Every structure is written in C-alpha cells, then in structure tokens.
Amino acid sequence: MVEGVILDLDGTIYRGDTMLHFADRFVQLLREKGIKILFLTNNSQRTVEYYRRKLNKMGIKANPREILTSAKATATYIKRHYKDPVVFPIGEDGLLSELIKNNIEITYDPTIASILAVGYDTNITYEKMKKAAILLLNGGIFIGCNPDKTLPTEEGNIPGNGAQIAYLKEATGREPYIIGKPHMPIMGEALRILNTSPHKTLIVGDRYETDILSGFRAGIKTALVLTGATKRGDIEHKRKPDYVAENLEELWKMLSE
C-alpha cells in the first residue's frame, strides 16, 4: 500500500452531481488504512468550500486541507514566488477567493498589475481580454490555472480555460506558465500537502492526458479508472499506467492483492 493517494474528482469520484460506484467506500477504506488523501481538480471556477460541501453531500467527508484546486495552487504559487504581486485576474469565485485568502492585491487596471492569472471565466468579455492583452504586451507575467481546452457538460464539450489562454497567446505571442495538471507546479504542491515521497504516492484519475501524465512527470504511481474521459482503447499505444481498472472497486481489489 502507498502512504498517500491523490484523487481526481469529476469522472473519478463523481460525474456531475452523481457519485460514481464505490467512491465513498474507496475513500473510507483508504482512511481505515491510515492513507493520506488529497482531492485534486483542475477546475479553477469553484471554491474549495464548494467541493467540500459537494463531497459531504455524497457522504464523503473531507476538510479544506484535503482539497486542492488549480486556483488554490495558482494563488499559492504566486504568493510563494513573487514579492508584493499585483494580479489582474480572469476567473470566478474559485480564483478570486484564493487570491484574497493569500492577501494578494487584485486590480483590473493593466497599467498597475504585474501578473495576469487566467482561470476559467464564464463572464469573459472582450474588454477584459483586451486589458489582459495590454498587460502582457507591456511585459506582465502570464500565468494560467490549467490548460484544459474544453469542459464536458450535458450540452457536450464547451470551451475551457485553455481556450481563453490560447486567445491571449495568439493576441500577444506570449507563452503562459501553467500551474494545473499535467504540469508540475500543482503536483509539487500536492506532494507538499500530503507530505509523502513520490514513490509512496498514487494518483487516481480518469483522464490520461492530465491525471496519468501528471503522475508520470512527478514520478508517482498511476491508476487510470475507466469511469470518465479515457477508454481502454485510447491507451493501447501509449505508456501504460501502473493500474487500469474499470472502476474504483476493481482498483481497490488490485491495490489489496
């Protein structure tokens, strides 16, 4: 058994508002074994408290210290690496609340801001993107919460945070520093929170391109569950995760052998 498990949320623990098979039991069994848990999501739109309440409603108890969003990781990164940062945020409550928690100054004036932080924003406007581009063209630091080009919804895939970042890349010729999966800043923060070594940590997720690739890059064990985005045929000619399971119940059996 490992000492720490990083659990993706959408497609792994739940789909929309429906908990996936064995998810609550899987978490319970990990806790009974004394294994540390961190719930990890690339979504920057929602707050940590939102995810805590959502998990609790499904019968999965979690405290805020066990939840890491790309917005939380972004605010932590900015606080840790920049002195007196002034941030122009593109994003919603998830990003804004984390910047405020870290006492980071927020402005929508591109002549004052030193950093542009781009999170998913359903209230995006041309005016906001114009100001963001001005900031970047004047030499501002470009940080993206996550690279997800699309988001799965009941209507189908819709533009995600990566699409907003791509707009600004094309407009300015600037490359962003990405925090979320599959990039290392969020994985480094996850390991710091868990306080476990990579070889004794496991990441469980449904997306090969984010969850599993994150594990490969961080040098941790990987488990792909086929309850979400990635299907078995999708990885036929790719590097294989340590575990591939139909669901969390099958994964638990594999881990217990």
C-alpha atoms as a PDB file:
ATOM      1  CA  MET A   1       0.000   0.000   0.000  1.00  0.00           C
ATOM      2  CA  VAL A   2       1.054   3.586  -0.619  1.00  0.00           C
ATOM      3  CA  GLU A   3       1.133   6.333   2.023  1.00  0.00           C
ATOM      4  CA  GLY A   4      -0.779   8.973   0.060  1.00  0.00           C
ATOM      5  CA  VAL A   5      -3.433   8.973  -2.673  1.00  0.00           C
ATOM      6  CA  ILE A   6      -4.288  11.887  -4.958  1.00  0.00           C
ATOM      7  CA  LEU A   7      -7.863  11.550  -6.186  1.00  0.00           C
ATOM      8  CA  ASP A   8      -9.259  13.347  -9.211  1.00  0.00           C
ATOM      9  CA  LEU A   9     -12.897  14.387  -8.808  1.00  0.00           C
ATOM     10  CA  ASP A  10     -15.066  14.654 -11.941  1.00  0.00           C
ATOM     11  CA  GLY A  11     -15.066  11.318 -13.740  1.00  0.00           C
ATOM     12  CA  THR A  12     -13.355   9.568 -10.836  1.00  0.00           C
ATOM     13  CA  ILE A  13     -15.365  10.298  -7.672  1.00  0.00           C
ATOM     14  CA  TYR A  14     -18.478  11.638  -9.353  1.00  0.00           C
ATOM     15  CA  ARG A  15     -19.990  12.566 -12.687  1.00  0.00           C
ATOM     16  CA  GLY A  16     -21.862  15.833 -12.400  1.00  0.00           C
ATOM     17  CA  ASP A  17     -23.939  15.517  -9.234  1.00  0.00           C
ATOM     18  CA  THR A  18     -23.929  11.716  -9.202  1.00  0.00           C
ATOM     19  CA  MET A  19     -21.398   9.806  -7.133  1.00  0.00           C
ATOM     20  CA  LEU A  20     -19.702   7.020  -9.058  1.00  0.00           C
ATOM     21  CA  HIS A  21     -19.813   3.378  -7.967  1.00  0.00           C
ATOM     22  CA  PHE A  22     -17.770   2.551  -4.839  1.00  0.00           C
ATOM     23  CA  ALA A  23     -16.346   6.084  -4.498  1.00  0.00           C
ATOM     24  CA  ASP A  24     -17.449   6.618  -0.901  1.00  0.00           C
ATOM     25  CA  ARG A  25     -16.344   3.131   0.111  1.00  0.00           C
ATOM     26  CA  PHE A  26     -12.980   3.595  -1.631  1.00  0.00           C
ATOM     27  CA  VAL A  27     -12.288   6.768   0.358  1.00  0.00           C
ATOM     28  CA  GLN A  28     -13.439   5.089   3.577  1.00  0.00           C
ATOM     29  CA  LEU A  29     -11.134   2.105   3.024  1.00  0.00           C
ATOM     30  CA  LEU A  30      -8.165   4.397   2.375  1.00  0.00           C
ATOM     31  CA  ARG A  31      -8.853   6.235   5.625  1.00  0.00           C
ATOM     32  CA  GLU A  32      -9.164   2.965   7.542  1.00  0.00           C
ATOM     33  CA  LYS A  33      -5.702   2.012   6.281  1.00  0.00           C
ATOM     34  CA  GLY A  34      -4.317   5.342   7.504  1.00  0.00           C
ATOM     35  CA  ILE A  35      -3.556   6.502   3.962  1.00  0.00           C
ATOM     36  CA  LYS A  36      -3.468  10.258   3.400  1.00  0.00           C
ATOM     37  CA  ILE A  37      -5.922  11.617   0.824  1.00  0.00           C
ATOM     38  CA  LEU A  38      -5.894  14.706  -1.366  1.00  0.00           C
ATOM     39  CA  PHE A  39      -8.769  15.548  -3.705  1.00  0.00           C
ATOM     40  CA  LEU A  40      -7.315  17.311  -6.747  1.00  0.00           C
ATOM     41  CA  THR A  41      -9.150  19.149  -9.527  1.00  0.00           C
ATOM     42  CA  ASN A  42      -8.032  21.301 -12.444  1.00  0.00           C
ATOM     43  CA  ASN A  43     -11.253  23.292 -12.170  1.00  0.00           C
ATOM     44  CA  SER A  44     -10.485  26.870 -11.108  1.00  0.00           C
ATOM     45  CA  GLN A  45     -14.074  28.100 -11.229  1.00  0.00           C
ATOM     46  CA  ARG A  46     -15.311  26.699  -7.905  1.00  0.00           C
ATOM     47  CA  THR A  47     -14.090  27.306  -4.369  1.00  0.00           C
ATOM     48  CA  VAL A  48     -12.587  24.739  -2.032  1.00  0.00           C
ATOM     49  CA  GLU A  49     -15.669  25.131   0.163  1.00  0.00           C
ATOM     50  CA  TYR A  50     -17.897  24.288  -2.808  1.00  0.00           C
ATOM     51  CA  TYR A  51     -16.087  20.976  -3.273  1.00  0.00           C
ATOM     52  CA  ARG A  52     -16.129  20.225   0.447  1.00  0.00           C
ATOM     53  CA  ARG A  53     -19.905  20.636   0.542  1.00  0.00           C
ATOM     54  CA  LYS A  54     -20.381  18.624  -2.635  1.00  0.00           C
ATOM     55  CA  LEU A  55     -18.348  15.704  -1.307  1.00  0.00           C
ATOM     56  CA  ASN A  56     -20.066  15.854   2.076  1.00  0.00           C
ATOM     57  CA  LYS A  57     -23.493  15.674   0.420  1.00  0.00           C
ATOM     58  CA  MET A  58     -22.348  12.440  -1.233  1.00  0.00           C
ATOM     59  CA  GLY A  59     -21.321  11.028   2.126  1.00  0.00           C
ATOM     60  CA  ILE A  60     -17.606  11.619   1.569  1.00  0.00           C
ATOM     61  CA  LYS A  61     -16.206  13.628   4.452  1.00  0.00           C
ATOM     62  CA  ALA A  62     -13.410  15.987   3.501  1.00  0.00           C
ATOM     63  CA  ASN A  63     -11.825  19.001   5.120  1.00  0.00           C
ATOM     64  CA  PRO A  64     -10.496  22.018   3.187  1.00  0.00           C
ATOM     65  CA  ARG A  65      -6.870  20.933   3.707  1.00  0.00           C
ATOM     66  CA  GLU A  66      -7.634  17.783   1.696  1.00  0.00           C
ATOM     67  CA  ILE A  67      -8.852  19.694  -1.389  1.00  0.00           C
ATOM     68  CA  LEU A  68      -6.564  21.297  -3.951  1.00  0.00           C
ATOM     69  CA  THR A  69      -7.880  23.199  -6.973  1.00  0.00           C
ATOM     70  CA  SER A  70      -5.821  24.742  -9.745  1.00  0.00           C
ATOM     71  CA  ALA A  71      -6.971  28.135  -8.439  1.00  0.00           C
ATOM     72  CA  LYS A  72      -5.640  27.374  -4.960  1.00  0.00           C
ATOM     73  CA  ALA A  73      -2.362  26.110  -6.411  1.00  0.00           C
ATOM     74  CA  THR A  74      -2.096  29.239  -8.590  1.00  0.00           C
ATOM     75  CA  ALA A  75      -2.588  31.654  -5.694  1.00  0.00           C
ATOM     76  CA  THR A  76      -0.126  29.688  -3.557  1.00  0.00           C
ATOM     77  CA  TYR A  77       2.451  29.739  -6.365  1.00  0.00           C
ATOM     78  CA  ILE A  78       2.117  33.499  -6.861  1.00  0.00           C
ATOM     79  CA  LYS A  79       2.379  34.180  -3.130  1.00  0.00           C
ATOM     80  CA  ARG A  80       5.451  31.968  -2.812  1.00  0.00           C
ATOM     81  CA  HIS A  81       7.376  33.184  -5.876  1.00  0.00           C
ATOM     82  CA  TYR A  82       6.644  36.911  -6.211  1.00  0.00           C
ATOM     83  CA  LYS A  83       7.204  39.773  -3.803  1.00  0.00           C
ATOM     84  CA  ASP A  84       4.252  42.173  -3.485  1.00  0.00           C
ATOM     85  CA  PRO A  85       2.391  40.810  -6.546  1.00  0.00           C
ATOM     86  CA  VAL A  86      -0.479  42.781  -8.077  1.00  0.00           C
ATOM     87  CA  VAL A  87      -2.724  40.415 -10.032  1.00  0.00           C
ATOM     88  CA  PHE A  88      -5.154  41.058 -12.875  1.00  0.00           C
ATOM     89  CA  PRO A  89      -7.464  38.026 -12.577  1.00  0.00           C
ATOM     90  CA  ILE A  90      -9.546  36.413 -15.260  1.00  0.00           C
ATOM     91  CA  GLY A  91     -11.715  33.959 -13.370  1.00  0.00           C
ATOM     92  CA  GLU A  92     -14.567  33.408 -10.970  1.00  0.00           C
ATOM     93  CA  ASP A  93     -15.050  32.756  -7.244  1.00  0.00           C
ATOM     94  CA  GLY A  94     -12.570  29.886  -7.148  1.00  0.00           C
ATOM     95  CA  LEU A  95      -9.635  32.039  -8.232  1.00  0.00           C
ATOM     96  CA  LEU A  96     -10.727  35.288  -6.615  1.00  0.00           C
ATOM     97  CA  SER A  97     -11.298  33.711  -3.202  1.00  0.00           C
ATOM     98  CA  GLU A  98      -7.846  32.109  -3.200  1.00  0.00           C
ATOM     99  CA  LEU A  99      -6.112  35.342  -4.168  1.00  0.00           C
ATOM    100  CA  ILE A 100      -7.936  37.112  -1.336  1.00  0.00           C
ATOM    101  CA  LYS A 101      -7.068  34.347   1.168  1.00  0.00           C
ATOM    102  CA  ASN A 102      -3.397  34.824   0.295  1.00  0.00           C
ATOM    103  CA  ASN A 103      -3.639  38.611   0.720  1.00  0.00           C
ATOM    104  CA  ILE A 104      -2.709  39.169  -2.910  1.00  0.00           C
ATOM    105  CA  GLU A 105      -3.665  42.558  -4.319  1.00  0.00           C
ATOM    106  CA  ILE A 106      -6.202  42.422  -7.149  1.00  0.00           C
ATOM    107  CA  THR A 107      -6.675  45.035  -9.858  1.00  0.00           C
ATOM    108  CA  TYR A 108      -8.384  45.339 -13.233  1.00  0.00           C
ATOM    109  CA  ASP A 109      -6.073  48.133 -14.333  1.00  0.00           C
ATOM    110  CA  PRO A 110      -3.453  46.685 -16.733  1.00  0.00           C
ATOM    111  CA  THR A 111      -1.109  49.618 -16.050  1.00  0.00           C
ATOM    112  CA  ILE A 112      -0.898  48.670 -12.356  1.00  0.00           C
ATOM    113  CA  ALA A 113      -0.936  44.869 -12.469  1.00  0.00           C
ATOM    114  CA  SER A 114       2.311  42.905 -12.626  1.00  0.00           C
ATOM    115  CA  ILE A 115       0.759  39.448 -13.161  1.00  0.00           C
ATOM    116  CA  LEU A 116      -2.090  38.105 -15.294  1.00  0.00           C
ATOM    117  CA  ALA A 117      -3.706  34.991 -13.776  1.00  0.00           C
ATOM    118  CA  VAL A 118      -6.114  33.244 -16.141  1.00  0.00           C
ATOM    119  CA  GLY A 119      -8.740  30.904 -14.744  1.00  0.00           C
ATOM    120  CA  TYR A 120     -11.989  29.655 -16.255  1.00  0.00           C
ATOM    121  CA  ASP A 121     -14.416  32.571 -16.631  1.00  0.00           C
ATOM    122  CA  THR A 122     -17.966  32.245 -17.944  1.00  0.00           C
ATOM    123  CA  ASN A 123     -18.334  36.029 -17.740  1.00  0.00           C
ATOM    124  CA  ILE A 124     -15.473  36.747 -20.104  1.00  0.00           C
ATOM    125  CA  THR A 125     -15.750  39.916 -22.177  1.00  0.00           C
ATOM    126  CA  TYR A 126     -13.762  41.444 -24.995  1.00  0.00           C
ATOM    127  CA  GLU A 127     -12.940  44.382 -22.743  1.00  0.00           C
ATOM    128  CA  LYS A 128     -11.411  42.064 -20.124  1.00  0.00           C
ATOM    129  CA  MET A 129      -9.386  40.189 -22.735  1.00  0.00           C
ATOM    130  CA  LYS A 130      -8.241  43.469 -24.284  1.00  0.00           C
ATOM    131  CA  LYS A 131      -6.920  44.712 -20.938  1.00  0.00           C
ATOM    132  CA  ALA A 132      -5.261  41.356 -20.299  1.00  0.00           C
ATOM    133  CA  ALA A 133      -3.517  41.548 -23.683  1.00  0.00           C
ATOM    134  CA  ILE A 134      -2.310  45.079 -22.936  1.00  0.00           C
ATOM    135  CA  LEU A 135      -0.814  43.840 -19.665  1.00  0.00           C
ATOM    136  CA  LEU A 136       1.016  41.017 -21.428  1.00  0.00           C
ATOM    137  CA  LEU A 137       2.256  43.222 -24.265  1.00  0.00           C
ATOM    138  CA  ASN A 138       3.675  45.569 -21.619  1.00  0.00           C
ATOM    139  CA  GLY A 139       5.697  42.720 -20.118  1.00  0.00           C
ATOM    140  CA  GLY A 140       3.342  41.371 -17.440  1.00  0.00           C
ATOM    141  CA  ILE A 141       3.817  37.840 -16.120  1.00  0.00           C
ATOM    142  CA  PHE A 142       1.442  35.319 -17.761  1.00  0.00           C
ATOM    143  CA  ILE A 143       0.113  32.514 -15.530  1.00  0.00           C
ATOM    144  CA  GLY A 144      -2.620  30.024 -16.447  1.00  0.00           C
ATOM    145  CA  CYS A 145      -4.530  27.984 -13.873  1.00  0.00           C
ATOM    146  CA  ASN A 146      -4.918  24.977 -16.160  1.00  0.00           C
ATOM    147  CA  PRO A 147      -4.586  24.030 -19.849  1.00  0.00           C
ATOM    148  CA  ASP A 148      -7.977  22.317 -20.308  1.00  0.00           C
ATOM    149  CA  LYS A 149      -9.163  23.319 -23.780  1.00  0.00           C
ATOM    150  CA  THR A 150     -12.692  22.003 -23.258  1.00  0.00           C
ATOM    151  CA  LEU A 151     -15.069  21.118 -20.438  1.00  0.00           C
ATOM    152  CA  PRO A 152     -17.565  18.235 -20.592  1.00  0.00           C
ATOM    153  CA  THR A 153     -21.161  19.316 -19.930  1.00  0.00           C
ATOM    154  CA  GLU A 154     -24.653  17.957 -20.563  1.00  0.00           C
ATOM    155  CA  GLU A 155     -24.634  20.029 -23.776  1.00  0.00           C
ATOM    156  CA  GLY A 156     -21.357  18.484 -24.898  1.00  0.00           C
ATOM    157  CA  ASN A 157     -17.802  19.800 -24.756  1.00  0.00           C
ATOM    158  CA  ILE A 158     -17.581  23.578 -24.340  1.00  0.00           C
ATOM    159  CA  PRO A 159     -14.574  25.953 -24.403  1.00  0.00           C
ATOM    160  CA  GLY A 160     -12.456  25.732 -21.270  1.00  0.00           C
ATOM    161  CA  ASN A 161      -9.646  27.658 -19.650  1.00  0.00           C
ATOM    162  CA  GLY A 162      -7.142  26.517 -22.251  1.00  0.00           C
ATOM    163  CA  ALA A 163      -9.232  28.180 -24.961  1.00  0.00           C
ATOM    164  CA  GLN A 164      -9.084  31.503 -23.105  1.00  0.00           C
ATOM    165  CA  ILE A 165      -5.321  31.132 -22.723  1.00  0.00           C
ATOM    166  CA  ALA A 166      -4.982  30.308 -26.433  1.00  0.00           C
ATOM    167  CA  TYR A 167      -6.803  33.536 -27.328  1.00  0.00           C
ATOM    168  CA  LEU A 168      -4.282  35.573 -25.366  1.00  0.00           C
ATOM    169  CA  LYS A 169      -1.333  33.583 -26.725  1.00  0.00           C
ATOM    170  CA  GLU A 170      -2.419  34.347 -30.279  1.00  0.00           C
ATOM    171  CA  ALA A 171      -3.054  38.016 -29.500  1.00  0.00           C
ATOM    172  CA  THR A 172       0.258  38.629 -27.752  1.00  0.00           C
ATOM    173  CA  GLY A 173       2.730  35.926 -28.795  1.00  0.00           C
ATOM    174  CA  ARG A 174       3.329  35.230 -25.093  1.00  0.00           C
ATOM    175  CA  GLU A 175       3.570  31.755 -23.570  1.00  0.00           C
ATOM    176  CA  PRO A 176       1.923  31.199 -20.173  1.00  0.00           C
ATOM    177  CA  TYR A 177       3.311  29.388 -17.169  1.00  0.00           C
ATOM    178  CA  ILE A 178       0.712  26.693 -16.458  1.00  0.00           C
ATOM    179  CA  ILE A 179       0.010  25.572 -12.893  1.00  0.00           C
ATOM    180  CA  GLY A 180      -2.566  22.768 -13.256  1.00  0.00           C
ATOM    181  CA  LYS A 181      -2.368  19.152 -14.394  1.00  0.00           C
ATOM    182  CA  PRO A 182      -0.397  17.770 -16.147  1.00  0.00           C
ATOM    183  CA  HIS A 183       2.194  20.378 -15.172  1.00  0.00           C
ATOM    184  CA  MET A 184       4.469  20.141 -12.181  1.00  0.00           C
ATOM    185  CA  PRO A 185       3.510  23.153 -10.008  1.00  0.00           C
ATOM    186  CA  ILE A 186       0.208  21.606  -8.903  1.00  0.00           C
ATOM    187  CA  MET A 187       1.787  18.176  -8.434  1.00  0.00           C
ATOM    188  CA  GLY A 188       4.590  19.626  -6.349  1.00  0.00           C
ATOM    189  CA  GLU A 189       2.007  21.381  -4.191  1.00  0.00           C
ATOM    190  CA  ALA A 190       0.001  18.155  -3.880  1.00  0.00           C
ATOM    191  CA  LEU A 191       3.036  16.248  -2.637  1.00  0.00           C
ATOM    192  CA  ARG A 192       3.897  19.069  -0.247  1.00  0.00           C
ATOM    193  CA  ILE A 193       0.395  18.976   1.260  1.00  0.00           C
ATOM    194  CA  LEU A 194       0.394  15.179   1.555  1.00  0.00           C
ATOM    195  CA  ASN A 195       3.979  15.179   2.843  1.00  0.00           C
ATOM    196  CA  THR A 196       4.673  11.899   1.098  1.00  0.00           C
ATOM    197  CA  SER A 197       7.518  10.835  -1.166  1.00  0.00           C
ATOM    198  CA  PRO A 198       6.689  10.293  -4.864  1.00  0.00           C
ATOM    199  CA  HIS A 199       7.373   6.547  -4.819  1.00  0.00           C
ATOM    200  CA  LYS A 200       4.868   6.111  -1.976  1.00  0.00           C
ATOM    201  CA  THR A 201       2.142   8.210  -3.620  1.00  0.00           C
ATOM    202  CA  LEU A 202      -0.567   7.184  -6.084  1.00  0.00           C
ATOM    203  CA  ILE A 203      -2.678   9.388  -8.366  1.00  0.00           C
ATOM    204  CA  VAL A 204      -6.088   8.069  -9.434  1.00  0.00           C
ATOM    205  CA  GLY A 205      -7.929   9.667 -12.334  1.00  0.00           C
ATOM    206  CA  ASP A 206      -9.995   9.180 -15.469  1.00  0.00           C
ATOM    207  CA  ARG A 207      -8.020  11.359 -17.899  1.00  0.00           C
ATOM    208  CA  TYR A 208      -4.804  10.034 -19.367  1.00  0.00           C
ATOM    209  CA  GLU A 209      -3.644  13.427 -20.687  1.00  0.00           C
ATOM    210  CA  THR A 210      -3.930  15.139 -17.305  1.00  0.00           C
ATOM    211  CA  ASP A 211      -4.116  12.727 -14.361  1.00  0.00           C
ATOM    212  CA  ILE A 212      -1.882   9.949 -15.633  1.00  0.00           C
ATOM    213  CA  LEU A 213       0.614  12.197 -17.404  1.00  0.00           C
ATOM    214  CA  SER A 214       0.875  14.194 -14.161  1.00  0.00           C
ATOM    215  CA  GLY A 215       1.841  11.017 -12.354  1.00  0.00           C
ATOM    216  CA  PHE A 216       4.468  10.110 -14.930  1.00  0.00           C
ATOM    217  CA  ARG A 217       6.038  13.566 -14.727  1.00  0.00           C
ATOM    218  CA  ALA A 218       6.005  13.626 -10.922  1.00  0.00           C
ATOM    219  CA  GLY A 219       7.433  10.122 -10.618  1.00  0.00           C
ATOM    220  CA  ILE A 220       4.460   8.769  -8.684  1.00  0.00           C
ATOM    221  CA  LYS A 221       2.351   5.647  -9.159  1.00  0.00           C
ATOM    222  CA  THR A 222      -0.604   5.954 -11.530  1.00  0.00           C
ATOM    223  CA  ALA A 223      -4.074   4.410 -11.686  1.00  0.00           C
ATOM    224  CA  LEU A 224      -6.488   5.001 -14.562  1.00  0.00           C
ATOM    225  CA  VAL A 225     -10.159   4.308 -13.877  1.00  0.00           C
ATOM    226  CA  LEU A 226     -12.343   3.857 -16.948  1.00  0.00           C
ATOM    227  CA  THR A 227     -15.306   5.762 -15.499  1.00  0.00           C
ATOM    228  CA  GLY A 228     -14.758   9.038 -17.330  1.00  0.00           C
ATOM    229  CA  ALA A 229     -12.935  10.524 -20.295  1.00  0.00           C
ATOM    230  CA  THR A 230     -10.351   7.873 -21.220  1.00  0.00           C
ATOM    231  CA  LYS A 231     -11.283   4.423 -22.506  1.00  0.00           C
ATOM    232  CA  ARG A 232      -9.085   1.327 -22.657  1.00  0.00           C
ATOM    233  CA  GLY A 233      -8.559   1.630 -26.399  1.00  0.00           C
ATOM    234  CA  ASP A 234      -7.289   5.186 -26.009  1.00  0.00           C
ATOM    235  CA  ILE A 235      -4.109   3.985 -24.293  1.00  0.00           C
ATOM    236  CA  GLU A 236      -3.386   0.978 -26.489  1.00  0.00           C
ATOM    237  CA  HIS A 237      -0.231   2.525 -27.981  1.00  0.00           C
ATOM    238  CA  LYS A 238       0.721   4.733 -25.040  1.00  0.00           C
ATOM    239  CA  ARG A 239       2.785   4.241 -21.916  1.00  0.00           C
ATOM    240  CA  LYS A 240       0.659   2.173 -19.554  1.00  0.00           C
ATOM    241  CA  PRO A 241      -0.322   3.338 -16.061  1.00  0.00           C
ATOM    242  CA  ASP A 242       0.597   1.110 -13.125  1.00  0.00           C
ATOM    243  CA  TYR A 243      -3.087   0.167 -12.810  1.00  0.00           C
ATOM    244  CA  VAL A 244      -6.005   0.238 -15.233  1.00  0.00           C
ATOM    245  CA  ALA A 245      -9.373  -0.548 -13.647  1.00  0.00           C
ATOM    246  CA  GLU A 246     -12.988  -0.450 -14.764  1.00  0.00           C
ATOM    247  CA  ASN A 247     -13.938   1.389 -11.575  1.00  0.00           C
ATOM    248  CA  LEU A 248     -12.776   2.155  -8.040  1.00  0.00           C
ATOM    249  CA  GLU A 249     -13.991  -1.185  -6.694  1.00  0.00           C
ATOM    250  CA  GLU A 250     -11.800  -3.078  -9.142  1.00  0.00           C
ATOM    251  CA  LEU A 251      -8.905  -0.743  -8.370  1.00  0.00           C
ATOM    252  CA  TRP A 252      -9.251  -1.438  -4.648  1.00  0.00           C
ATOM    253  CA  LYS A 253      -9.035  -5.159  -5.306  1.00  0.00           C
ATOM    254  CA  MET A 254      -5.859  -4.610  -7.343  1.00  0.00           C
ATOM    255  CA  LEU A 255      -4.304  -2.481  -4.614  1.00  0.00           C
ATOM    256  CA  SER A 256      -5.186  -5.046  -1.963  1.00  0.00           C
ATOM    257  CA  GLU A 257      -3.570  -8.005  -3.726  1.00  0.00           C
END
